[in-house]
Amino acid sequence: MTTIIGLEYIDRCFIVADSQTTDADGKIYSHPEVKKVSENGMFLIAGSGETLPCDIAQHIWEPPTPTKQDKENLYRFMIVKAMPSLRKCMTENGYNFDEDTKETRFQFIMAIGGEIFDVDQELSISKSVDGIYAAGSGAPYALGALYAGADAYQAMEIASKLTAFTAGPYISKEQPKKIK
């Protein structure tokens, strides 16, 4: 899988991810063109888990642009407009949401307007009261490190030492908080 960290501050947000991709058989892939954090429209999108939903969200989906009213409540915008649009795009591009599995298939850390949203495999939206997010197989290690006082890059290093599915270099993107 991967390790992704998202940190939300008063004036901006920050997302960092590792660069290693590992297939189901354990084969490791790493290439400078493959980035787990990308910009798509007004969104920063970082994905972990299955490759297809990540590719669709980061490279095929044409996300909606929030109106002035939407910017007043980006949480609602994500639920009412962004996720239905993403679900439609994913379905049209071959992703099967109905596949029965008990395992986590994918997870996104998304940002828009400087706010971070945790998006699960059903495209449900969650927010963290403390502004700290993590996804992927290294998430528990990274979260533990962050809560113990590590910065994002130190937390990534700790995760990479504790899971074989995380490795640098680490790619990061920052997004300023938009004044409403």
C-alpha atoms as a PDB file:
ATOM      1  CA  MET A   1       0.000   0.000   0.000  1.00  0.00           C
ATOM      2  CA  THR A   2       1.573   3.275   1.060  1.00  0.00           C
ATOM      3  CA  THR A   3       1.808   5.969   3.690  1.00  0.00           C
ATOM      4  CA  ILE A   4       0.090   9.329   3.327  1.00  0.00           C
ATOM      5  CA  ILE A   5       0.007  12.084   5.923  1.00  0.00           C
ATOM      6  CA  GLY A   6      -2.254  15.130   5.833  1.00  0.00           C
ATOM      7  CA  LEU A   7      -1.888  18.069   8.206  1.00  0.00           C
ATOM      8  CA  GLU A   8      -4.364  20.919   8.383  1.00  0.00           C
ATOM      9  CA  TYR A   9      -3.276  24.258   9.829  1.00  0.00           C
ATOM     10  CA  ILE A  10      -5.123  27.561  10.330  1.00  0.00           C
ATOM     11  CA  ASP A  11      -3.732  29.062   7.115  1.00  0.00           C
ATOM     12  CA  ARG A  12      -2.923  26.022   4.950  1.00  0.00           C
ATOM     13  CA  CYS A  13      -2.821  22.269   4.615  1.00  0.00           C
ATOM     14  CA  PHE A  14       0.006  19.936   3.746  1.00  0.00           C
ATOM     15  CA  ILE A  15      -0.039  16.406   2.279  1.00  0.00           C
ATOM     16  CA  VAL A  16       3.003  14.129   1.980  1.00  0.00           C
ATOM     17  CA  ALA A  17       3.211  10.601   0.568  1.00  0.00           C
ATOM     18  CA  ASP A  18       5.833   7.991  -0.103  1.00  0.00           C
ATOM     19  CA  SER A  19       6.846   6.933  -3.626  1.00  0.00           C
ATOM     20  CA  GLN A  20       6.728   3.147  -3.525  1.00  0.00           C
ATOM     21  CA  THR A  21       3.996   1.103  -5.169  1.00  0.00           C
ATOM     22  CA  THR A  22       3.765  -2.586  -4.322  1.00  0.00           C
ATOM     23  CA  ASP A  23       1.566  -5.032  -6.223  1.00  0.00           C
ATOM     24  CA  ALA A  24      -0.397  -7.921  -4.682  1.00  0.00           C
ATOM     25  CA  ASP A  25       2.550 -10.281  -5.220  1.00  0.00           C
ATOM     26  CA  GLY A  26       4.988  -7.973  -3.426  1.00  0.00           C
ATOM     27  CA  LYS A  27       6.722  -6.609  -6.532  1.00  0.00           C
ATOM     28  CA  ILE A  28       7.980  -3.076  -5.875  1.00  0.00           C
ATOM     29  CA  TYR A  29       7.558  -0.264  -8.369  1.00  0.00           C
ATOM     30  CA  SER A  30       8.986   3.231  -8.100  1.00  0.00           C
ATOM     31  CA  HIS A  31       9.106   5.756 -10.908  1.00  0.00           C
ATOM     32  CA  PRO A  32       9.468   9.561 -10.823  1.00  0.00           C
ATOM     33  CA  GLU A  33       6.370  10.052 -13.015  1.00  0.00           C
ATOM     34  CA  VAL A  34       4.154   8.140 -10.589  1.00  0.00           C
ATOM     35  CA  LYS A  35       3.182  10.474  -7.763  1.00  0.00           C
ATOM     36  CA  LYS A  36       0.770   9.613  -4.996  1.00  0.00           C
ATOM     37  CA  VAL A  37      -0.033  13.287  -4.372  1.00  0.00           C
ATOM     38  CA  SER A  38      -1.355  15.250  -7.326  1.00  0.00           C
ATOM     39  CA  GLU A  39      -3.301  18.370  -8.180  1.00  0.00           C
ATOM     40  CA  ASN A  40      -6.583  17.965 -10.035  1.00  0.00           C
ATOM     41  CA  GLY A  41      -8.539  21.165 -10.539  1.00  0.00           C
ATOM     42  CA  MET A  42      -8.766  22.863  -7.152  1.00  0.00           C
ATOM     43  CA  PHE A  43      -8.056  19.572  -5.341  1.00  0.00           C
ATOM     44  CA  LEU A  44      -4.978  17.946  -3.896  1.00  0.00           C
ATOM     45  CA  ILE A  45      -5.529  14.192  -4.038  1.00  0.00           C
ATOM     46  CA  ALA A  46      -3.429  11.476  -2.436  1.00  0.00           C
ATOM     47  CA  GLY A  47      -4.472   7.859  -2.768  1.00  0.00           C
ATOM     48  CA  SER A  48      -3.601   4.545  -1.195  1.00  0.00           C
ATOM     49  CA  GLY A  49      -4.722   1.009  -1.969  1.00  0.00           C
ATOM     50  CA  GLU A  50      -5.938  -0.136  -5.358  1.00  0.00           C
ATOM     51  CA  THR A  51      -4.364   1.687  -8.276  1.00  0.00           C
ATOM     52  CA  LEU A  52      -7.449   2.056 -10.499  1.00  0.00           C
ATOM     53  CA  PRO A  53      -9.472   4.328  -8.169  1.00  0.00           C
ATOM     54  CA  CYS A  54      -6.368   6.407  -7.474  1.00  0.00           C
ATOM     55  CA  ASP A  55      -5.635   6.811 -11.192  1.00  0.00           C
ATOM     56  CA  ILE A  56      -9.238   7.767 -11.925  1.00  0.00           C
ATOM     57  CA  ALA A  57      -9.458  10.333  -9.113  1.00  0.00           C
ATOM     58  CA  GLN A  58      -6.079  11.885  -9.854  1.00  0.00           C
ATOM     59  CA  HIS A  59      -6.017  11.839 -13.662  1.00  0.00           C
ATOM     60  CA  ILE A  60      -9.438  11.222 -15.244  1.00  0.00           C
ATOM     61  CA  TRP A  61     -12.003  12.830 -12.924  1.00  0.00           C
ATOM     62  CA  GLU A  62     -12.984  16.404 -13.739  1.00  0.00           C
ATOM     63  CA  PRO A  63     -13.927  17.639 -10.277  1.00  0.00           C
ATOM     64  CA  PRO A  64     -16.625  20.256  -9.769  1.00  0.00           C
ATOM     65  CA  THR A  65     -15.600  23.784  -8.848  1.00  0.00           C
ATOM     66  CA  PRO A  66     -17.228  25.039  -5.664  1.00  0.00           C
ATOM     67  CA  THR A  67     -19.527  28.042  -5.960  1.00  0.00           C
ATOM     68  CA  LYS A  68     -19.268  30.958  -3.538  1.00  0.00           C
ATOM     69  CA  GLN A  69     -22.015  29.314  -1.467  1.00  0.00           C
ATOM     70  CA  ASP A  70     -20.215  25.933  -1.560  1.00  0.00           C
ATOM     71  CA  LYS A  71     -17.069  27.573  -0.178  1.00  0.00           C
ATOM     72  CA  GLU A  72     -19.018  28.441   2.977  1.00  0.00           C
ATOM     73  CA  ASN A  73     -19.292  24.717   3.778  1.00  0.00           C
ATOM     74  CA  LEU A  74     -16.743  22.583   1.931  1.00  0.00           C
ATOM     75  CA  TYR A  75     -17.706  19.510   3.960  1.00  0.00           C
ATOM     76  CA  ARG A  76     -21.222  19.689   2.495  1.00  0.00           C
ATOM     77  CA  PHE A  77     -19.785  20.416  -0.972  1.00  0.00           C
ATOM     78  CA  MET A  78     -17.696  17.229  -0.764  1.00  0.00           C
ATOM     79  CA  ILE A  79     -20.744  15.140   0.171  1.00  0.00           C
ATOM     80  CA  VAL A  80     -23.339  16.712  -2.139  1.00  0.00           C
ATOM     81  CA  LYS A  81     -21.309  17.534  -5.252  1.00  0.00           C
ATOM     82  CA  ALA A  82     -17.745  16.226  -5.300  1.00  0.00           C
ATOM     83  CA  MET A  83     -18.282  12.604  -4.228  1.00  0.00           C
ATOM     84  CA  PRO A  84     -21.313  11.941  -6.486  1.00  0.00           C
ATOM     85  CA  SER A  85     -19.247  13.335  -9.383  1.00  0.00           C
ATOM     86  CA  LEU A  86     -16.276  11.124  -8.475  1.00  0.00           C
ATOM     87  CA  ARG A  87     -18.497   8.033  -8.054  1.00  0.00           C
ATOM     88  CA  LYS A  88     -19.986   8.594 -11.520  1.00  0.00           C
ATOM     89  CA  CYS A  89     -16.542   8.996 -13.081  1.00  0.00           C
ATOM     90  CA  MET A  90     -15.168   5.914 -11.342  1.00  0.00           C
ATOM     91  CA  THR A  91     -18.128   3.789 -12.425  1.00  0.00           C
ATOM     92  CA  GLU A  92     -17.891   5.049 -16.031  1.00  0.00           C
ATOM     93  CA  ASN A  93     -14.203   4.122 -16.057  1.00  0.00           C
ATOM     94  CA  GLY A  94     -14.617   0.538 -14.892  1.00  0.00           C
ATOM     95  CA  TYR A  95     -14.463   0.667 -11.096  1.00  0.00           C
ATOM     96  CA  ASN A  96     -16.916  -1.737  -9.426  1.00  0.00           C
ATOM     97  CA  PHE A  97     -18.169  -0.401  -6.085  1.00  0.00           C
ATOM     98  CA  ASP A  98     -20.392  -3.462  -5.639  1.00  0.00           C
ATOM     99  CA  GLU A  99     -17.518  -5.946  -5.357  1.00  0.00           C
ATOM    100  CA  ASP A 100     -17.925  -7.694  -2.001  1.00  0.00           C
ATOM    101  CA  THR A 101     -14.778  -7.460   0.083  1.00  0.00           C
ATOM    102  CA  LYS A 102     -14.037  -6.940   3.756  1.00  0.00           C
ATOM    103  CA  GLU A 103     -10.631  -5.434   3.050  1.00  0.00           C
ATOM    104  CA  THR A 104      -9.987  -1.736   2.558  1.00  0.00           C
ATOM    105  CA  ARG A 105      -9.724  -1.281  -1.183  1.00  0.00           C
ATOM    106  CA  PHE A 106      -8.647   2.361  -1.280  1.00  0.00           C
ATOM    107  CA  GLN A 107      -8.525   5.545   0.744  1.00  0.00           C
ATOM    108  CA  PHE A 108      -7.946   9.140  -0.315  1.00  0.00           C
ATOM    109  CA  ILE A 109      -6.692  12.133   1.586  1.00  0.00           C
ATOM    110  CA  MET A 110      -8.129  15.091  -0.353  1.00  0.00           C
ATOM    111  CA  ALA A 111      -7.793  18.815   0.122  1.00  0.00           C
ATOM    112  CA  ILE A 112      -9.731  21.711  -1.298  1.00  0.00           C
ATOM    113  CA  GLY A 113      -9.606  25.301  -0.107  1.00  0.00           C
ATOM    114  CA  GLY A 114      -6.930  24.348   2.413  1.00  0.00           C
ATOM    115  CA  GLU A 115      -9.244  21.865   4.158  1.00  0.00           C
ATOM    116  CA  ILE A 116      -8.442  18.157   4.313  1.00  0.00           C
ATOM    117  CA  PHE A 117     -10.994  15.366   3.940  1.00  0.00           C
ATOM    118  CA  ASP A 118     -10.526  11.650   4.574  1.00  0.00           C
ATOM    119  CA  VAL A 119     -12.365   9.717   1.848  1.00  0.00           C
ATOM    120  CA  ASP A 120     -12.992   5.999   2.305  1.00  0.00           C
ATOM    121  CA  GLN A 121     -13.707   3.277  -0.256  1.00  0.00           C
ATOM    122  CA  GLU A 122     -17.417   4.071  -0.235  1.00  0.00           C
ATOM    123  CA  LEU A 123     -16.588   7.759  -0.867  1.00  0.00           C
ATOM    124  CA  SER A 124     -17.764   8.683   2.617  1.00  0.00           C
ATOM    125  CA  ILE A 125     -16.217  11.859   4.024  1.00  0.00           C
ATOM    126  CA  SER A 126     -14.610  12.222   7.446  1.00  0.00           C
ATOM    127  CA  LYS A 127     -12.953  15.184   9.167  1.00  0.00           C
ATOM    128  CA  SER A 128     -10.464  15.122  12.042  1.00  0.00           C
ATOM    129  CA  VAL A 129     -10.955  17.625  14.843  1.00  0.00           C
ATOM    130  CA  ASP A 130      -7.176  17.920  15.333  1.00  0.00           C
ATOM    131  CA  GLY A 131      -6.359  18.255  11.618  1.00  0.00           C
ATOM    132  CA  ILE A 132      -4.141  15.157  11.516  1.00  0.00           C
ATOM    133  CA  TYR A 133      -4.799  12.508   8.865  1.00  0.00           C
ATOM    134  CA  ALA A 134      -3.072   9.375   7.612  1.00  0.00           C
ATOM    135  CA  ALA A 135      -3.857   6.641   5.109  1.00  0.00           C
ATOM    136  CA  GLY A 136      -2.293   3.423   3.902  1.00  0.00           C
ATOM    137  CA  SER A 137      -0.473   0.541   5.520  1.00  0.00           C
ATOM    138  CA  GLY A 138       1.955   2.879   7.285  1.00  0.00           C
ATOM    139  CA  ALA A 139      -0.814   5.107   8.688  1.00  0.00           C
ATOM    140  CA  PRO A 140      -0.820   3.698  12.240  1.00  0.00           C
ATOM    141  CA  TYR A 141       2.943   4.159  12.537  1.00  0.00           C
ATOM    142  CA  ALA A 142       2.855   7.650  11.056  1.00  0.00           C
ATOM    143  CA  LEU A 143      -0.013   8.726  13.318  1.00  0.00           C
ATOM    144  CA  GLY A 144       1.778   7.390  16.385  1.00  0.00           C
ATOM    145  CA  ALA A 145       4.916   9.276  15.414  1.00  0.00           C
ATOM    146  CA  LEU A 146       2.980  12.496  14.785  1.00  0.00           C
ATOM    147  CA  TYR A 147       1.195  12.314  18.132  1.00  0.00           C
ATOM    148  CA  ALA A 148       4.563  11.635  19.805  1.00  0.00           C
ATOM    149  CA  GLY A 149       5.899  14.909  18.381  1.00  0.00           C
ATOM    150  CA  ALA A 150       7.520  13.959  15.067  1.00  0.00           C
ATOM    151  CA  ASP A 151       7.123  16.238  12.065  1.00  0.00           C
ATOM    152  CA  ALA A 152       5.608  14.837   8.860  1.00  0.00           C
ATOM    153  CA  TYR A 153       8.925  13.785   7.318  1.00  0.00           C
ATOM    154  CA  GLN A 154      10.124  12.140  10.529  1.00  0.00           C
ATOM    155  CA  ALA A 155       6.787  10.296  10.719  1.00  0.00           C
ATOM    156  CA  MET A 156       7.247   9.081   7.128  1.00  0.00           C
ATOM    157  CA  GLU A 157      10.729   7.799   7.986  1.00  0.00           C
ATOM    158  CA  ILE A 158       9.382   5.951  11.012  1.00  0.00           C
ATOM    159  CA  ALA A 159       6.604   4.379   8.928  1.00  0.00           C
ATOM    160  CA  SER A 160       9.129   3.306   6.280  1.00  0.00           C
ATOM    161  CA  LYS A 161      11.167   1.496   8.946  1.00  0.00           C
ATOM    162  CA  LEU A 162       8.115  -0.396  10.202  1.00  0.00           C
ATOM    163  CA  THR A 163       6.328  -1.423   6.996  1.00  0.00           C
ATOM    164  CA  ALA A 164       7.787  -2.853   3.808  1.00  0.00           C
ATOM    165  CA  PHE A 165       5.145  -1.011   1.787  1.00  0.00           C
ATOM    166  CA  THR A 166       6.532   2.501   2.350  1.00  0.00           C
ATOM    167  CA  ALA A 167       9.690   4.064   0.951  1.00  0.00           C
ATOM    168  CA  GLY A 168      11.014   7.470  -0.078  1.00  0.00           C
ATOM    169  CA  PRO A 169      11.521   9.760  -1.665  1.00  0.00           C
ATOM    170  CA  TYR A 170       8.589  11.597  -0.131  1.00  0.00           C
ATOM    171  CA  ILE A 171       6.488  13.908  -2.265  1.00  0.00           C
ATOM    172  CA  SER A 172       4.576  16.773  -0.674  1.00  0.00           C
ATOM    173  CA  LYS A 173       2.128  19.458  -1.720  1.00  0.00           C
ATOM    174  CA  GLU A 174       0.813  22.438   0.195  1.00  0.00           C
ATOM    175  CA  GLN A 175      -2.417  24.335  -0.326  1.00  0.00           C
ATOM    176  CA  PRO A 176      -3.269  27.718   1.237  1.00  0.00           C
ATOM    177  CA  LYS A 177      -6.518  28.119   3.139  1.00  0.00           C
ATOM    178  CA  LYS A 178      -8.865  30.228   1.052  1.00  0.00           C
ATOM    179  CA  ILE A 179     -10.539  33.140   2.752  1.00  0.00           C
ATOM    180  CA  LYS A 180     -14.312  32.798   2.321  1.00  0.00           C
END
